[in-house]
């Protein structure tokens, strides 16, 4: 049902929200049953089982409400619901939706893709133990080096509050967080500073994230800090991004920096690479009939270079950093990027 919601662009794809709004069946969310600072393993088995059963029931009810098996038919269909004015509803949301043939085509492709992604998750990817150990040691040393620089300046780089105070004492002007309790030290803020110490903090965070979220866990340290590297890395895939691209959670392998991906090993000894060149932008050009995009693809030119030349005239088309900024700009414009986010990623002024 989450896939159905995503394809129809419903206001929410959350099961609890859809169940309440469309079938009038309330279920608990994880936050409703999970005590503060606890995880699912801390709950009684009966509580988790009850949660799962109600989730299954809600899923079937929402599935039936949206047409269920009709999603596999060749003809469009319409489903409707009664707005629940007593429990709260969006007065601007329509009470009926038409599922077109194009939507059904997307749904059927996604349903066939889901079991393949599950197989990929279970299979995982092999790790090269020697390179894993090498990168863990190098990353740990680099992280410690950045940490020592900050400690010599009188602050702990792992503490956002201390980072804010330390950089402010060096003459940097930082905004406050929304709570007004401390200075903001997010990446979008620090990346705009000219102070080299801000770069040191960002590198410390980069190395910390890589070591703590990936390498440390793959090294399999026991209570005595003896390493037992795991042979394979695993993550779970998700298909509900607004960009229609695949994402992942748990170990988000797509976030691994390119230079470290050498720790992965192909099972067959040979990597296979397949890429559809700018498929999303080509589809967008076809749907919108944008004249600039249509002309660029008709001429066989690179739309990212076209954008780069328009925003940064005279820059080298082979400059990877400028190309990345142009690429971010193109995708952000399509998927409703804000003025602030565009300015942050492209380093262009908001005005």
C-alpha atoms as a PDB file:
ATOM      1  CA  UNK A   1       0.000   0.000   0.000  1.00  0.00           C
ATOM      2  CA  UNK A   2       2.943   2.325   0.499  1.00  0.00           C
ATOM      3  CA  UNK A   3       3.825   1.797  -3.168  1.00  0.00           C
ATOM      4  CA  UNK A   4       0.223   2.498  -4.161  1.00  0.00           C
ATOM      5  CA  UNK A   5       0.274   5.726  -2.160  1.00  0.00           C
ATOM      6  CA  UNK A   6       3.576   6.786  -3.677  1.00  0.00           C
ATOM      7  CA  UNK A   7       2.389   6.187  -7.242  1.00  0.00           C
ATOM      8  CA  UNK A   8      -0.853   8.104  -6.648  1.00  0.00           C
ATOM      9  CA  UNK A   9       0.982  10.950  -4.878  1.00  0.00           C
ATOM     10  CA  UNK A  10      -1.284  10.647  -1.841  1.00  0.00           C
ATOM     11  CA  UNK A  11      -0.720  13.157   0.987  1.00  0.00           C
ATOM     12  CA  UNK A  12       0.836  10.457   3.169  1.00  0.00           C
ATOM     13  CA  UNK A  13       2.212   6.987   2.574  1.00  0.00           C
ATOM     14  CA  UNK A  14       2.359   6.146   6.278  1.00  0.00           C
ATOM     15  CA  UNK A  15       0.199   3.117   7.076  1.00  0.00           C
ATOM     16  CA  UNK A  16      -1.258   4.638  10.246  1.00  0.00           C
ATOM     17  CA  UNK A  17      -2.309   7.804   8.410  1.00  0.00           C
ATOM     18  CA  UNK A  18      -3.832   5.964   5.446  1.00  0.00           C
ATOM     19  CA  UNK A  19      -5.651   3.505   7.688  1.00  0.00           C
ATOM     20  CA  UNK A  20      -7.159   6.295   9.773  1.00  0.00           C
ATOM     21  CA  UNK A  21      -8.069   8.533   6.835  1.00  0.00           C
ATOM     22  CA  UNK A  22      -9.376   6.010   4.291  1.00  0.00           C
ATOM     23  CA  UNK A  23     -10.860   3.123   6.291  1.00  0.00           C
ATOM     24  CA  UNK A  24     -11.388   4.701   9.722  1.00  0.00           C
ATOM     25  CA  UNK A  25      -9.179   2.136  11.460  1.00  0.00           C
ATOM     26  CA  UNK A  26      -6.722   3.494  14.019  1.00  0.00           C
ATOM     27  CA  UNK A  27      -3.463   1.689  14.684  1.00  0.00           C
ATOM     28  CA  UNK A  28      -0.510   2.538  16.891  1.00  0.00           C
ATOM     29  CA  UNK A  29       2.714   3.832  15.426  1.00  0.00           C
ATOM     30  CA  UNK A  30       6.107   2.727  16.707  1.00  0.00           C
ATOM     31  CA  UNK A  31       6.341   5.971  18.674  1.00  0.00           C
ATOM     32  CA  UNK A  32       3.026   5.198  20.397  1.00  0.00           C
ATOM     33  CA  UNK A  33       4.210   1.910  21.901  1.00  0.00           C
ATOM     34  CA  UNK A  34       7.930   2.545  22.318  1.00  0.00           C
ATOM     35  CA  UNK A  35       9.053   4.024  25.658  1.00  0.00           C
ATOM     36  CA  UNK A  36      11.602   6.827  25.582  1.00  0.00           C
ATOM     37  CA  UNK A  37      15.182   5.665  24.988  1.00  0.00           C
ATOM     38  CA  UNK A  38      14.051   2.106  24.256  1.00  0.00           C
ATOM     39  CA  UNK A  39      14.039  -0.011  21.112  1.00  0.00           C
ATOM     40  CA  UNK A  40      11.765  -2.761  19.826  1.00  0.00           C
ATOM     41  CA  UNK A  41      13.869  -5.461  21.490  1.00  0.00           C
ATOM     42  CA  UNK A  42      12.961  -3.980  24.875  1.00  0.00           C
ATOM     43  CA  UNK A  43       9.225  -4.588  24.359  1.00  0.00           C
ATOM     44  CA  UNK A  44       7.265  -7.647  25.417  1.00  0.00           C
ATOM     45  CA  UNK A  45       6.734 -10.177  22.633  1.00  0.00           C
ATOM     46  CA  UNK A  46       2.961  -9.903  23.025  1.00  0.00           C
ATOM     47  CA  UNK A  47       3.088  -6.122  22.481  1.00  0.00           C
ATOM     48  CA  UNK A  48       5.140  -6.467  19.297  1.00  0.00           C
ATOM     49  CA  UNK A  49       2.938  -9.322  18.043  1.00  0.00           C
ATOM     50  CA  UNK A  50      -0.213  -7.263  18.592  1.00  0.00           C
ATOM     51  CA  UNK A  51       1.339  -4.334  16.753  1.00  0.00           C
ATOM     52  CA  UNK A  52       2.240  -6.585  13.795  1.00  0.00           C
ATOM     53  CA  UNK A  53      -1.239  -8.134  13.637  1.00  0.00           C
ATOM     54  CA  UNK A  54      -2.968  -4.755  13.606  1.00  0.00           C
ATOM     55  CA  UNK A  55      -0.542  -3.512  10.950  1.00  0.00           C
ATOM     56  CA  UNK A  56      -1.402  -6.524   8.769  1.00  0.00           C
ATOM     57  CA  UNK A  57      -5.115  -5.920   9.250  1.00  0.00           C
ATOM     58  CA  UNK A  58      -4.748  -2.236   8.381  1.00  0.00           C
ATOM     59  CA  UNK A  59      -2.693  -3.098   5.300  1.00  0.00           C
ATOM     60  CA  UNK A  60      -5.347  -5.463   3.952  1.00  0.00           C
ATOM     61  CA  UNK A  61      -8.133  -2.969   4.600  1.00  0.00           C
ATOM     62  CA  UNK A  62      -6.325  -0.112   2.857  1.00  0.00           C
ATOM     63  CA  UNK A  63      -5.343  -2.451   0.012  1.00  0.00           C
ATOM     64  CA  UNK A  64      -8.977  -3.431  -0.522  1.00  0.00           C
ATOM     65  CA  UNK A  65     -10.136   0.183  -0.266  1.00  0.00           C
ATOM     66  CA  UNK A  66      -7.758   1.233  -3.056  1.00  0.00           C
ATOM     67  CA  UNK A  67      -8.997  -1.482  -5.371  1.00  0.00           C
ATOM     68  CA  UNK A  68      -6.623  -4.279  -4.457  1.00  0.00           C
ATOM     69  CA  UNK A  69      -6.628  -6.834  -7.306  1.00  0.00           C
ATOM     70  CA  UNK A  70      -7.891  -4.178  -9.747  1.00  0.00           C
ATOM     71  CA  UNK A  71      -4.353  -2.797  -9.844  1.00  0.00           C
ATOM     72  CA  UNK A  72      -3.460  -5.801 -11.998  1.00  0.00           C
ATOM     73  CA  UNK A  73      -6.327  -5.211 -14.467  1.00  0.00           C
ATOM     74  CA  UNK A  74      -5.800  -3.489 -17.796  1.00  0.00           C
ATOM     75  CA  UNK A  75      -8.484  -0.810 -17.358  1.00  0.00           C
ATOM     76  CA  UNK A  76      -8.383   2.248 -15.062  1.00  0.00           C
ATOM     77  CA  UNK A  77     -10.467   2.160 -11.892  1.00  0.00           C
ATOM     78  CA  UNK A  78     -11.636   4.642  -9.273  1.00  0.00           C
ATOM     79  CA  UNK A  79     -11.766   4.208  -5.519  1.00  0.00           C
ATOM     80  CA  UNK A  80     -13.325   6.514  -2.952  1.00  0.00           C
ATOM     81  CA  UNK A  81     -13.657   6.956   0.790  1.00  0.00           C
ATOM     82  CA  UNK A  82     -15.764   8.921   3.265  1.00  0.00           C
ATOM     83  CA  UNK A  83     -13.979  11.822   4.917  1.00  0.00           C
ATOM     84  CA  UNK A  84     -13.894  11.412   8.695  1.00  0.00           C
ATOM     85  CA  UNK A  85     -14.780  14.894   9.929  1.00  0.00           C
ATOM     86  CA  UNK A  86     -14.890  13.790  13.558  1.00  0.00           C
ATOM     87  CA  UNK A  87     -11.342  12.443  13.642  1.00  0.00           C
ATOM     88  CA  UNK A  88      -9.740  15.108  11.516  1.00  0.00           C
ATOM     89  CA  UNK A  89      -9.236  15.181   7.769  1.00  0.00           C
ATOM     90  CA  UNK A  90      -7.838  17.401   5.059  1.00  0.00           C
ATOM     91  CA  UNK A  91     -10.787  19.336   3.593  1.00  0.00           C
ATOM     92  CA  UNK A  92      -8.817  19.946   0.398  1.00  0.00           C
ATOM     93  CA  UNK A  93      -8.009  16.286  -0.275  1.00  0.00           C
ATOM     94  CA  UNK A  94     -10.303  14.675  -2.867  1.00  0.00           C
ATOM     95  CA  UNK A  95     -12.521  11.830  -1.644  1.00  0.00           C
ATOM     96  CA  UNK A  96     -11.952   9.752  -4.759  1.00  0.00           C
ATOM     97  CA  UNK A  97      -8.919   8.811  -6.811  1.00  0.00           C
ATOM     98  CA  UNK A  98      -8.642   7.411 -10.325  1.00  0.00           C
ATOM     99  CA  UNK A  99      -5.901   4.867 -10.905  1.00  0.00           C
ATOM    100  CA  UNK A 100      -4.782   5.187 -14.519  1.00  0.00           C
ATOM    101  CA  UNK A 101      -3.206   2.516 -16.673  1.00  0.00           C
ATOM    102  CA  UNK A 102       0.138   4.297 -16.421  1.00  0.00           C
ATOM    103  CA  UNK A 103      -0.069   4.121 -12.625  1.00  0.00           C
ATOM    104  CA  UNK A 104      -0.828   0.418 -12.827  1.00  0.00           C
ATOM    105  CA  UNK A 105       2.159  -0.130 -15.093  1.00  0.00           C
ATOM    106  CA  UNK A 106       4.399   1.543 -12.498  1.00  0.00           C
ATOM    107  CA  UNK A 107       2.848  -0.486  -9.691  1.00  0.00           C
ATOM    108  CA  UNK A 108       3.317  -3.783 -11.497  1.00  0.00           C
ATOM    109  CA  UNK A 109       6.973  -2.999 -12.206  1.00  0.00           C
ATOM    110  CA  UNK A 110       7.554  -2.081  -8.553  1.00  0.00           C
ATOM    111  CA  UNK A 111       5.861  -5.249  -7.327  1.00  0.00           C
ATOM    112  CA  UNK A 112       8.130  -7.348  -9.530  1.00  0.00           C
ATOM    113  CA  UNK A 113      11.150  -5.374  -8.363  1.00  0.00           C
ATOM    114  CA  UNK A 114      10.405  -5.794  -4.639  1.00  0.00           C
ATOM    115  CA  UNK A 115      11.329  -9.513  -4.377  1.00  0.00           C
ATOM    116  CA  UNK A 116      14.546  -8.849  -6.318  1.00  0.00           C
ATOM    117  CA  UNK A 117      15.528  -6.155  -3.819  1.00  0.00           C
ATOM    118  CA  UNK A 118      14.748  -8.547  -0.977  1.00  0.00           C
ATOM    119  CA  UNK A 119      17.084 -11.094  -2.559  1.00  0.00           C
ATOM    120  CA  UNK A 120      19.768  -8.439  -2.897  1.00  0.00           C
ATOM    121  CA  UNK A 121      19.347  -7.517   0.772  1.00  0.00           C
ATOM    122  CA  UNK A 122      19.683 -11.133   1.886  1.00  0.00           C
ATOM    123  CA  UNK A 123      22.661 -11.771  -0.375  1.00  0.00           C
ATOM    124  CA  UNK A 124      24.633  -8.690   0.612  1.00  0.00           C
ATOM    125  CA  UNK A 125      28.026  -7.883  -0.840  1.00  0.00           C
ATOM    126  CA  UNK A 126      31.413  -9.429  -0.092  1.00  0.00           C
ATOM    127  CA  UNK A 127      34.072  -7.475   1.804  1.00  0.00           C
ATOM    128  CA  UNK A 128      37.831  -7.618   1.299  1.00  0.00           C
ATOM    129  CA  UNK A 129      39.160  -8.179   4.816  1.00  0.00           C
ATOM    130  CA  UNK A 130      42.638  -6.820   4.128  1.00  0.00           C
ATOM    131  CA  UNK A 131      41.330  -3.572   2.659  1.00  0.00           C
ATOM    132  CA  UNK A 132      38.684  -3.289   5.377  1.00  0.00           C
ATOM    133  CA  UNK A 133      41.356  -3.461   8.068  1.00  0.00           C
ATOM    134  CA  UNK A 134      43.543  -0.999   6.164  1.00  0.00           C
ATOM    135  CA  UNK A 135      40.768   1.559   5.728  1.00  0.00           C
ATOM    136  CA  UNK A 136      39.671   1.223   9.343  1.00  0.00           C
ATOM    137  CA  UNK A 137      43.203   2.005  10.526  1.00  0.00           C
ATOM    138  CA  UNK A 138      43.670   4.894   8.107  1.00  0.00           C
ATOM    139  CA  UNK A 139      40.270   6.403   8.907  1.00  0.00           C
ATOM    140  CA  UNK A 140      40.853   6.094  12.650  1.00  0.00           C
ATOM    141  CA  UNK A 141      44.227   7.846  12.368  1.00  0.00           C
ATOM    142  CA  UNK A 142      42.794  10.624  10.190  1.00  0.00           C
ATOM    143  CA  UNK A 143      39.901  11.113  12.619  1.00  0.00           C
ATOM    144  CA  UNK A 144      42.288  11.281  15.580  1.00  0.00           C
ATOM    145  CA  UNK A 145      44.485  13.796  13.741  1.00  0.00           C
ATOM    146  CA  UNK A 146      41.504  16.104  13.130  1.00  0.00           C
ATOM    147  CA  UNK A 147      40.365  15.646  16.714  1.00  0.00           C
ATOM    148  CA  UNK A 148      43.791  16.601  18.090  1.00  0.00           C
ATOM    149  CA  UNK A 149      43.801  19.817  16.060  1.00  0.00           C
ATOM    150  CA  UNK A 150      40.455  20.827  17.571  1.00  0.00           C
ATOM    151  CA  UNK A 151      41.466  19.810  21.095  1.00  0.00           C
ATOM    152  CA  UNK A 152      44.572  21.984  20.777  1.00  0.00           C
ATOM    153  CA  UNK A 153      42.208  24.857  19.985  1.00  0.00           C
ATOM    154  CA  UNK A 154      40.278  24.158  23.179  1.00  0.00           C
ATOM    155  CA  UNK A 155      37.122  22.375  22.031  1.00  0.00           C
ATOM    156  CA  UNK A 156      35.818  18.878  21.366  1.00  0.00           C
ATOM    157  CA  UNK A 157      34.815  18.477  17.684  1.00  0.00           C
ATOM    158  CA  UNK A 158      32.243  15.829  18.652  1.00  0.00           C
ATOM    159  CA  UNK A 159      30.277  18.437  20.642  1.00  0.00           C
ATOM    160  CA  UNK A 160      28.209  20.814  18.447  1.00  0.00           C
ATOM    161  CA  UNK A 161      27.955  23.247  21.349  1.00  0.00           C
ATOM    162  CA  UNK A 162      31.722  23.372  21.849  1.00  0.00           C
ATOM    163  CA  UNK A 163      32.288  23.629  18.096  1.00  0.00           C
ATOM    164  CA  UNK A 164      30.012  26.670  17.960  1.00  0.00           C
ATOM    165  CA  UNK A 165      31.764  28.378  20.859  1.00  0.00           C
ATOM    166  CA  UNK A 166      35.231  27.508  19.558  1.00  0.00           C
ATOM    167  CA  UNK A 167      34.571  28.862  16.068  1.00  0.00           C
ATOM    168  CA  UNK A 168      32.810  31.960  17.417  1.00  0.00           C
ATOM    169  CA  UNK A 169      35.838  32.732  19.598  1.00  0.00           C
ATOM    170  CA  UNK A 170      37.921  32.744  16.411  1.00  0.00           C
ATOM    171  CA  UNK A 171      35.760  35.514  14.946  1.00  0.00           C
ATOM    172  CA  UNK A 172      33.314  33.405  12.939  1.00  0.00           C
ATOM    173  CA  UNK A 173      29.717  34.628  12.868  1.00  0.00           C
ATOM    174  CA  UNK A 174      27.299  31.717  13.319  1.00  0.00           C
ATOM    175  CA  UNK A 175      23.484  31.789  13.470  1.00  0.00           C
ATOM    176  CA  UNK A 176      21.564  30.322  16.376  1.00  0.00           C
ATOM    177  CA  UNK A 177      19.664  27.052  16.170  1.00  0.00           C
ATOM    178  CA  UNK A 178      15.831  27.281  16.055  1.00  0.00           C
ATOM    179  CA  UNK A 179      15.746  26.663  19.824  1.00  0.00           C
ATOM    180  CA  UNK A 180      18.089  29.660  20.358  1.00  0.00           C
ATOM    181  CA  UNK A 181      20.028  27.593  22.919  1.00  0.00           C
ATOM    182  CA  UNK A 182      23.273  27.233  20.973  1.00  0.00           C
ATOM    183  CA  UNK A 183      25.013  28.200  17.770  1.00  0.00           C
ATOM    184  CA  UNK A 184      24.218  26.273  14.591  1.00  0.00           C
ATOM    185  CA  UNK A 185      27.119  24.188  13.298  1.00  0.00           C
ATOM    186  CA  UNK A 186      25.507  22.123  10.538  1.00  0.00           C
ATOM    187  CA  UNK A 187      27.382  21.243   7.364  1.00  0.00           C
ATOM    188  CA  UNK A 188      25.553  23.898   5.353  1.00  0.00           C
ATOM    189  CA  UNK A 189      26.770  26.524   7.864  1.00  0.00           C
ATOM    190  CA  UNK A 190      30.370  25.385   8.325  1.00  0.00           C
ATOM    191  CA  UNK A 191      30.929  24.823   4.596  1.00  0.00           C
ATOM    192  CA  UNK A 192      30.400  28.547   4.013  1.00  0.00           C
ATOM    193  CA  UNK A 193      33.053  29.647   6.522  1.00  0.00           C
ATOM    194  CA  UNK A 194      36.546  30.617   5.389  1.00  0.00           C
ATOM    195  CA  UNK A 195      38.117  29.493   8.671  1.00  0.00           C
ATOM    196  CA  UNK A 196      40.283  26.401   7.969  1.00  0.00           C
ATOM    197  CA  UNK A 197      39.255  25.019  11.356  1.00  0.00           C
ATOM    198  CA  UNK A 198      35.699  24.662  10.035  1.00  0.00           C
ATOM    199  CA  UNK A 199      37.070  22.335   7.358  1.00  0.00           C
ATOM    200  CA  UNK A 200      38.846  20.345  10.070  1.00  0.00           C
ATOM    201  CA  UNK A 201      35.545  19.910  11.941  1.00  0.00           C
ATOM    202  CA  UNK A 202      33.778  18.774   8.773  1.00  0.00           C
ATOM    203  CA  UNK A 203      36.534  16.265   8.005  1.00  0.00           C
ATOM    204  CA  UNK A 204      36.366  14.978  11.587  1.00  0.00           C
ATOM    205  CA  UNK A 205      32.630  14.401  11.181  1.00  0.00           C
ATOM    206  CA  UNK A 206      33.154  12.700   7.821  1.00  0.00           C
ATOM    207  CA  UNK A 207      35.729  10.288   9.230  1.00  0.00           C
ATOM    208  CA  UNK A 208      33.633   9.695  12.360  1.00  0.00           C
ATOM    209  CA  UNK A 209      30.532   8.828  10.331  1.00  0.00           C
ATOM    210  CA  UNK A 210      32.453   6.485   8.067  1.00  0.00           C
ATOM    211  CA  UNK A 211      34.234   4.742  10.931  1.00  0.00           C
ATOM    212  CA  UNK A 212      31.325   4.531  13.389  1.00  0.00           C
ATOM    213  CA  UNK A 213      28.496   3.756  10.960  1.00  0.00           C
ATOM    214  CA  UNK A 214      30.290   1.324   8.671  1.00  0.00           C
ATOM    215  CA  UNK A 215      33.885   0.268   9.279  1.00  0.00           C
ATOM    216  CA  UNK A 216      33.579  -0.215  13.051  1.00  0.00           C
ATOM    217  CA  UNK A 217      30.578  -2.516  12.684  1.00  0.00           C
ATOM    218  CA  UNK A 218      32.072  -4.470   9.799  1.00  0.00           C
ATOM    219  CA  UNK A 219      35.233  -5.039  11.827  1.00  0.00           C
ATOM    220  CA  UNK A 220      33.123  -6.993  14.336  1.00  0.00           C
ATOM    221  CA  UNK A 221      34.943  -6.006  17.526  1.00  0.00           C
ATOM    222  CA  UNK A 222      34.148  -8.093  20.613  1.00  0.00           C
ATOM    223  CA  UNK A 223      34.135  -6.874  24.228  1.00  0.00           C
ATOM    224  CA  UNK A 224      37.944  -7.110  24.305  1.00  0.00           C
ATOM    225  CA  UNK A 225      38.270  -5.012  21.124  1.00  0.00           C
ATOM    226  CA  UNK A 226      39.493  -8.010  19.157  1.00  0.00           C
ATOM    227  CA  UNK A 227      38.400  -7.715  15.522  1.00  0.00           C
ATOM    228  CA  UNK A 228      36.377 -10.457  13.824  1.00  0.00           C
ATOM    229  CA  UNK A 229      35.623  -8.913  10.402  1.00  0.00           C
ATOM    230  CA  UNK A 230      32.327  -9.995   8.885  1.00  0.00           C
ATOM    231  CA  UNK A 231      32.550 -11.506   5.379  1.00  0.00           C
ATOM    232  CA  UNK A 232      29.624  -9.608   3.845  1.00  0.00           C
ATOM    233  CA  UNK A 233      27.846  -6.268   4.228  1.00  0.00           C
ATOM    234  CA  UNK A 234      24.065  -5.980   4.122  1.00  0.00           C
ATOM    235  CA  UNK A 235      21.474  -3.229   3.861  1.00  0.00           C
ATOM    236  CA  UNK A 236      17.757  -2.897   3.168  1.00  0.00           C
ATOM    237  CA  UNK A 237      16.388  -1.069   0.157  1.00  0.00           C
ATOM    238  CA  UNK A 238      13.440   1.287  -0.026  1.00  0.00           C
ATOM    239  CA  UNK A 239      11.398   2.410  -3.032  1.00  0.00           C
ATOM    240  CA  UNK A 240       9.398   5.343  -1.664  1.00  0.00           C
ATOM    241  CA  UNK A 241      11.611   8.318  -2.527  1.00  0.00           C
ATOM    242  CA  UNK A 242       9.941  11.205  -4.358  1.00  0.00           C
ATOM    243  CA  UNK A 243      12.674  10.969  -6.999  1.00  0.00           C
ATOM    244  CA  UNK A 244      11.670   7.340  -7.740  1.00  0.00           C
ATOM    245  CA  UNK A 245      15.270   6.280  -7.149  1.00  0.00           C
ATOM    246  CA  UNK A 246      16.339   3.485  -4.844  1.00  0.00           C
ATOM    247  CA  UNK A 247      17.538   4.323  -1.380  1.00  0.00           C
ATOM    248  CA  UNK A 248      18.594   2.204   1.564  1.00  0.00           C
ATOM    249  CA  UNK A 249      18.607   2.144   5.330  1.00  0.00           C
ATOM    250  CA  UNK A 250      20.528   0.303   8.055  1.00  0.00           C
ATOM    251  CA  UNK A 251      23.932   0.267   6.331  1.00  0.00           C
ATOM    252  CA  UNK A 252      23.380   2.768   3.527  1.00  0.00           C
ATOM    253  CA  UNK A 253      26.005   1.399   1.139  1.00  0.00           C
ATOM    254  CA  UNK A 254      25.243   4.108  -1.415  1.00  0.00           C
ATOM    255  CA  UNK A 255      26.703   6.656   1.011  1.00  0.00           C
ATOM    256  CA  UNK A 256      30.127   5.030   1.056  1.00  0.00           C
ATOM    257  CA  UNK A 257      32.684   7.425  -0.516  1.00  0.00           C
ATOM    258  CA  UNK A 258      33.934   6.218  -3.888  1.00  0.00           C
ATOM    259  CA  UNK A 259      37.551   5.977  -2.761  1.00  0.00           C
ATOM    260  CA  UNK A 260      36.611   3.427  -0.086  1.00  0.00           C
ATOM    261  CA  UNK A 261      34.403   1.232  -2.263  1.00  0.00           C
ATOM    262  CA  UNK A 262      37.429  -0.859  -3.099  1.00  0.00           C
ATOM    263  CA  UNK A 263      36.677  -2.832   0.089  1.00  0.00           C
ATOM    264  CA  UNK A 264      33.749  -4.430  -1.772  1.00  0.00           C
ATOM    265  CA  UNK A 265      34.435  -7.569  -3.794  1.00  0.00           C
ATOM    266  CA  UNK A 266      32.382  -9.093  -6.657  1.00  0.00           C
ATOM    267  CA  UNK A 267      31.418 -12.724  -6.071  1.00  0.00           C
ATOM    268  CA  UNK A 268      32.312 -13.640  -9.653  1.00  0.00           C
ATOM    269  CA  UNK A 269      35.566 -11.689  -9.649  1.00  0.00           C
ATOM    270  CA  UNK A 270      34.174  -9.212 -12.187  1.00  0.00           C
ATOM    271  CA  UNK A 271      32.062  -6.081 -11.678  1.00  0.00           C
ATOM    272  CA  UNK A 272      29.193  -5.357 -14.069  1.00  0.00           C
ATOM    273  CA  UNK A 273      28.186  -1.729 -14.569  1.00  0.00           C
ATOM    274  CA  UNK A 274      24.971  -0.609 -16.267  1.00  0.00           C
ATOM    275  CA  UNK A 275      23.711   2.960 -16.513  1.00  0.00           C
ATOM    276  CA  UNK A 276      20.873   4.605 -18.428  1.00  0.00           C
ATOM    277  CA  UNK A 277      22.241   8.053 -19.241  1.00  0.00           C
ATOM    278  CA  UNK A 278      20.176  10.769 -17.508  1.00  0.00           C
ATOM    279  CA  UNK A 279      16.996   8.711 -17.744  1.00  0.00           C
ATOM    280  CA  UNK A 280      15.063  10.836 -15.213  1.00  0.00           C
ATOM    281  CA  UNK A 281      15.895  14.096 -16.968  1.00  0.00           C
ATOM    282  CA  UNK A 282      15.035  12.628 -20.370  1.00  0.00           C
ATOM    283  CA  UNK A 283      11.647  11.554 -19.014  1.00  0.00           C
ATOM    284  CA  UNK A 284      11.119  14.983 -17.492  1.00  0.00           C
ATOM    285  CA  UNK A 285      11.965  16.647 -20.808  1.00  0.00           C
ATOM    286  CA  UNK A 286       9.502  14.367 -22.624  1.00  0.00           C
ATOM    287  CA  UNK A 287       6.706  15.031 -20.114  1.00  0.00           C
ATOM    288  CA  UNK A 288       7.169  18.809 -19.833  1.00  0.00           C
ATOM    289  CA  UNK A 289       8.265  19.476 -23.427  1.00  0.00           C
ATOM    290  CA  UNK A 290      10.754  21.997 -22.027  1.00  0.00           C
ATOM    291  CA  UNK A 291      12.296  23.572 -25.154  1.00  0.00           C
ATOM    292  CA  UNK A 292      15.823  23.919 -23.743  1.00  0.00           C
ATOM    293  CA  UNK A 293      15.940  20.328 -22.527  1.00  0.00           C
ATOM    294  CA  UNK A 294      14.326  18.976 -25.695  1.00  0.00           C
ATOM    295  CA  UNK A 295      16.845  20.845 -27.854  1.00  0.00           C
ATOM    296  CA  UNK A 296      19.781  19.698 -25.720  1.00  0.00           C
ATOM    297  CA  UNK A 297      18.842  16.040 -26.034  1.00  0.00           C
ATOM    298  CA  UNK A 298      17.980  16.410 -29.715  1.00  0.00           C
ATOM    299  CA  UNK A 299      21.478  17.812 -30.308  1.00  0.00           C
ATOM    300  CA  UNK A 300      23.059  15.086 -28.196  1.00  0.00           C
ATOM    301  CA  UNK A 301      24.534  17.583 -25.726  1.00  0.00           C
ATOM    302  CA  UNK A 302      24.836  17.130 -21.966  1.00  0.00           C
ATOM    303  CA  UNK A 303      22.035  18.973 -20.140  1.00  0.00           C
ATOM    304  CA  UNK A 304      24.258  19.389 -17.077  1.00  0.00           C
ATOM    305  CA  UNK A 305      26.854  21.197 -19.196  1.00  0.00           C
ATOM    306  CA  UNK A 306      24.076  23.389 -20.604  1.00  0.00           C
ATOM    307  CA  UNK A 307      23.046  24.325 -17.061  1.00  0.00           C
ATOM    308  CA  UNK A 308      26.668  24.868 -16.011  1.00  0.00           C
ATOM    309  CA  UNK A 309      27.302  27.247 -18.912  1.00  0.00           C
ATOM    310  CA  UNK A 310      24.141  29.199 -18.065  1.00  0.00           C
ATOM    311  CA  UNK A 311      24.865  29.543 -14.334  1.00  0.00           C
ATOM    312  CA  UNK A 312      28.664  29.719 -14.380  1.00  0.00           C
ATOM    313  CA  UNK A 313      29.733  31.098 -17.781  1.00  0.00           C
ATOM    314  CA  UNK A 314      33.338  30.443 -18.699  1.00  0.00           C
ATOM    315  CA  UNK A 315      33.885  27.511 -16.323  1.00  0.00           C
ATOM    316  CA  UNK A 316      35.579  24.358 -17.553  1.00  0.00           C
ATOM    317  CA  UNK A 317      33.058  21.728 -18.674  1.00  0.00           C
ATOM    318  CA  UNK A 318      35.439  19.046 -17.358  1.00  0.00           C
ATOM    319  CA  UNK A 319      35.450  20.502 -13.833  1.00  0.00           C
ATOM    320  CA  UNK A 320      33.849  17.729 -11.758  1.00  0.00           C
ATOM    321  CA  UNK A 321      32.872  20.022  -8.901  1.00  0.00           C
ATOM    322  CA  UNK A 322      31.084  22.494 -11.176  1.00  0.00           C
ATOM    323  CA  UNK A 323      29.370  19.660 -13.013  1.00  0.00           C
ATOM    324  CA  UNK A 324      28.135  18.274  -9.701  1.00  0.00           C
ATOM    325  CA  UNK A 325      26.704  21.662  -8.750  1.00  0.00           C
ATOM    326  CA  UNK A 326      24.902  21.876 -12.092  1.00  0.00           C
ATOM    327  CA  UNK A 327      23.592  18.343 -11.637  1.00  0.00           C
ATOM    328  CA  UNK A 328      22.308  19.130  -8.148  1.00  0.00           C
ATOM    329  CA  UNK A 329      20.632  22.268  -9.480  1.00  0.00           C
ATOM    330  CA  UNK A 330      18.822  20.367 -12.242  1.00  0.00           C
ATOM    331  CA  UNK A 331      17.445  17.681  -9.941  1.00  0.00           C
ATOM    332  CA  UNK A 332      16.607  20.107  -7.131  1.00  0.00           C
ATOM    333  CA  UNK A 333      14.561  22.282  -9.485  1.00  0.00           C
ATOM    334  CA  UNK A 334      12.582  19.277 -10.668  1.00  0.00           C
ATOM    335  CA  UNK A 335      11.888  17.934  -7.191  1.00  0.00           C
ATOM    336  CA  UNK A 336      10.872  21.236  -5.566  1.00  0.00           C
ATOM    337  CA  UNK A 337      14.159  22.244  -3.986  1.00  0.00           C
ATOM    338  CA  UNK A 338      13.876  25.444  -1.958  1.00  0.00           C
ATOM    339  CA  UNK A 339      15.798  28.624  -2.726  1.00  0.00           C
ATOM    340  CA  UNK A 340      17.879  28.094   0.401  1.00  0.00           C
ATOM    341  CA  UNK A 341      18.785  24.502  -0.471  1.00  0.00           C
ATOM    342  CA  UNK A 342      19.671  25.488  -4.038  1.00  0.00           C
ATOM    343  CA  UNK A 343      21.913  28.277  -2.775  1.00  0.00           C
ATOM    344  CA  UNK A 344      23.547  25.943  -0.261  1.00  0.00           C
ATOM    345  CA  UNK A 345      24.409  23.210  -2.758  1.00  0.00           C
ATOM    346  CA  UNK A 346      25.343  25.401  -5.717  1.00  0.00           C
ATOM    347  CA  UNK A 347      27.076  28.191  -3.731  1.00  0.00           C
ATOM    348  CA  UNK A 348      24.970  30.739  -5.616  1.00  0.00           C
ATOM    349  CA  UNK A 349      23.352  33.740  -3.856  1.00  0.00           C
ATOM    350  CA  UNK A 350      19.686  33.350  -2.898  1.00  0.00           C
ATOM    351  CA  UNK A 351      18.713  36.629  -4.549  1.00  0.00           C
END
